[in-house]
Protein backbone atom coordinates (compact mmCIF):
# COMPACT_ATOMS: atom_id res chain seq x y z
CA MET A 1 1.16 18.95 -12.53
CA PRO A 2 -0.75 16.38 -10.42
CA ASN A 3 -4.08 15.18 -11.80
CA ASN A 4 -6.43 15.28 -8.79
CA ASN A 5 -9.02 12.95 -10.36
CA LEU A 6 -6.34 10.36 -11.06
CA ILE A 7 -4.87 10.78 -7.58
CA ASN A 8 -8.28 10.26 -5.96
CA THR A 9 -8.91 7.19 -8.11
CA ILE A 10 -5.53 5.73 -7.17
CA ARG A 11 -6.00 6.47 -3.45
CA LYS A 12 -9.12 4.31 -3.48
CA LYS A 13 -7.13 1.43 -5.00
CA VAL A 14 -4.34 1.37 -2.40
CA LEU A 15 -4.88 -1.38 0.18
CA ARG A 16 -3.00 -2.55 3.25
CA ILE A 17 -2.08 -6.23 3.02
CA ARG A 18 0.44 -8.03 5.25
CA GLY A 19 1.47 -4.67 6.68
CA HIS A 20 2.29 -3.18 3.25
CA ARG A 21 0.49 -0.53 1.24
CA VAL A 22 -0.13 -2.20 -2.09
CA ILE A 23 -2.12 -1.99 -5.27
CA ILE A 24 -3.57 -5.04 -7.05
CA ASP A 25 -2.36 -6.08 -10.51
CA THR A 26 -5.82 -5.80 -12.10
CA ASP A 27 -6.19 -2.24 -10.80
CA LEU A 28 -2.75 -1.32 -12.13
CA ALA A 29 -3.59 -2.80 -15.54
CA ALA A 30 -6.79 -0.73 -15.62
CA LEU A 31 -4.96 2.43 -14.53
CA TYR A 32 -2.24 1.83 -17.14
CA GLN A 33 -4.97 1.17 -19.71
CA VAL A 34 -3.57 -2.20 -20.75
CA ARG A 35 -5.33 -5.56 -20.81
CA VAL A 36 -4.76 -7.70 -17.72
CA SER A 37 -3.30 -10.46 -19.92
CA VAL A 38 -0.76 -8.01 -21.40
CA PHE A 39 0.11 -6.72 -17.94
CA ASP A 40 0.53 -10.28 -16.57
CA GLN A 41 2.70 -11.26 -19.53
CA ALA A 42 5.00 -8.26 -18.96
CA ILE A 43 5.30 -9.22 -15.28
CA ARG A 44 6.10 -12.87 -16.08
CA ARG A 45 8.78 -11.79 -18.58
CA ASN A 46 10.39 -9.52 -15.97
CA ILE A 47 9.81 -11.52 -12.81
CA GLU A 48 13.49 -11.24 -11.78
CA ARG A 49 13.04 -7.45 -11.45
CA LEU A 50 10.23 -7.87 -8.93
CA PRO A 51 11.43 -9.52 -5.69
CA GLU A 52 9.01 -10.13 -2.82
CA ASP A 53 9.45 -6.66 -1.28
CA PHE A 54 8.36 -5.21 -4.65
CA MET A 55 5.55 -7.65 -5.47
CA PHE A 56 3.96 -10.70 -3.92
CA GLN A 57 1.09 -13.00 -4.75
CA LEU A 58 -1.97 -13.07 -2.54
CA ASN A 59 -2.70 -16.38 -0.89
CA LYS A 60 -6.06 -18.04 -1.63
CA GLU A 61 -7.69 -16.72 1.55
CA GLU A 62 -6.60 -13.11 0.90
CA PHE A 63 -7.74 -13.39 -2.72
CA GLN A 64 -11.17 -14.79 -1.77
CA LEU A 65 -11.63 -12.15 0.93
CA LEU A 66 -10.82 -9.29 -1.44
CA LYS A 67 -13.06 -10.79 -4.12
CA SER A 68 -15.96 -11.12 -1.68
CA GLN A 69 -15.47 -7.50 -0.55
CA GLY A 70 -15.46 -6.33 -4.16
CA SER A 71 -11.91 -4.98 -3.73
CA ILE A 72 -10.64 -6.79 -6.80
CA SER A 73 -12.02 -5.45 -10.06
CA GLY A 74 -11.52 -6.44 -13.67
CA LEU A 75 -10.79 -10.11 -13.04
CA ASN A 76 -12.07 -11.22 -16.45
CA GLY A 77 -12.41 -14.83 -15.30
CA LYS A 78 -9.07 -14.73 -13.48
CA ASN A 79 -8.96 -17.60 -11.01
CA ARG A 80 -5.41 -17.44 -9.74
CA PRO A 81 -4.69 -15.15 -6.80
CA SER A 82 -3.63 -11.69 -7.89
CA PHE A 83 -0.22 -10.13 -7.49
CA VAL A 84 0.04 -6.95 -5.46
CA PHE A 85 2.71 -4.28 -5.81
CA THR A 86 4.38 -2.18 -3.12
CA ALA A 87 5.70 1.32 -3.80
CA LYS A 88 9.04 -0.22 -4.82
CA GLY A 89 7.26 -2.54 -7.25
CA VAL A 90 5.29 0.31 -8.74
CA ALA A 91 8.53 2.23 -9.27
CA MET A 92 10.05 -0.80 -10.99
CA LEU A 93 6.99 -1.20 -13.22
CA SER A 94 8.02 1.93 -15.09
CA SER A 95 10.86 -0.12 -16.58
CA VAL A 96 8.51 -3.01 -17.38
CA ILE A 97 5.32 -1.36 -18.68
CA LYS A 98 6.49 1.34 -21.06
CA THR A 99 3.42 3.29 -22.07
CA GLU A 100 2.71 7.00 -21.72
CA MET A 101 -0.20 6.27 -19.39
CA ALA A 102 1.91 3.93 -17.23
CA ALA A 103 4.49 6.69 -16.79
CA ARG A 104 1.82 9.22 -15.74
CA VAL A 105 0.13 6.79 -13.39
CA ASN A 106 3.47 5.81 -11.83
CA MET A 107 4.23 9.46 -11.07
CA GLN A 108 0.90 9.82 -9.28
CA LEU A 109 1.34 6.51 -7.46
CA MET A 110 4.76 7.56 -6.19
CA ARG A 111 3.25 10.84 -4.94
CA ILE A 112 0.54 8.94 -3.07
CA PHE A 113 2.87 6.35 -1.53
CA THR A 114 5.31 9.08 -0.46
CA GLU A 115 2.52 11.23 0.95
CA GLN A 116 1.19 8.26 2.95
CA LEU A 117 4.65 7.48 4.27
CA LEU A 118 5.13 11.07 5.46
CA LEU A 119 1.69 11.05 7.09
CA GLN A 120 2.51 7.78 8.84
CA LYS A 121 5.78 9.28 10.16
CA LYS A 122 3.96 12.36 11.50
CA GLN A 123 1.40 10.16 13.25
CA GLY A 124 4.22 8.11 14.76
CA HIS A 125 5.81 11.24 16.20
CA LYS A 126 2.44 12.32 17.68
CA ILE A 127 1.98 8.91 19.28
CA GLU A 128 5.49 9.07 20.76
CA SER A 129 4.84 12.50 22.30
CA ILE A 130 1.48 11.34 23.70
CA GLY A 131 3.23 8.26 25.09
CA SER A 132 5.80 10.46 26.83
CA GLU A 133 3.03 12.56 28.41
CA VAL A 134 1.21 9.42 29.57
CA ASP A 135 4.45 8.01 31.01
CA LEU A 136 5.02 11.19 33.03
CA LYS A 137 1.44 11.19 34.34
CA CYS A 138 1.64 7.48 35.24
CA LYS A 139 4.90 8.04 37.09
CA ALA A 140 3.34 10.93 38.99
CA ILE A 141 0.28 8.85 39.90
CA LEU A 142 2.43 5.87 40.94
CA GLY A 143 4.60 8.20 43.01
CA ALA A 144 1.52 9.61 44.75
CA ILE A 145 0.18 6.11 45.45
CA LYS A 146 3.55 5.03 46.83
CA TYR A 147 3.66 8.13 49.02
CA LEU A 148 0.13 7.38 50.34
CA ILE A 149 1.01 3.75 51.06
CA GLU A 150 4.23 4.66 52.88
CA SER A 151 2.60 7.42 54.96
């Protein structure tokens, strides 16, 4: 059964960076209820399981921008740019961080990422149908203008 409080908390943590929906490592550590240092150590030990489409490190500019916006919480003196995880990375984390809380959070994260993907698809279909309507109207207007010019 989905936990609505947890889902709402997670939704607020999902960001769009470089065209990907991601969640920051410090937020994941907090959600999983593990120390950031423990989380980072687990990631470093399993780095081969997390290719760039699963996880990537923010560049200095992205990191500073998110810090200044207050989007990065729980840094605990962390000076290196954070890692961020895509839906694929979050799914892989269940084999890296093996706590009860991590499993529950991962289930909710997967629901949110999937829900957002479906919503994005629906919006894409709406945009396509609007585009088709606009194309037809433009063609009709251009046809009328051409008719007026040729008359």
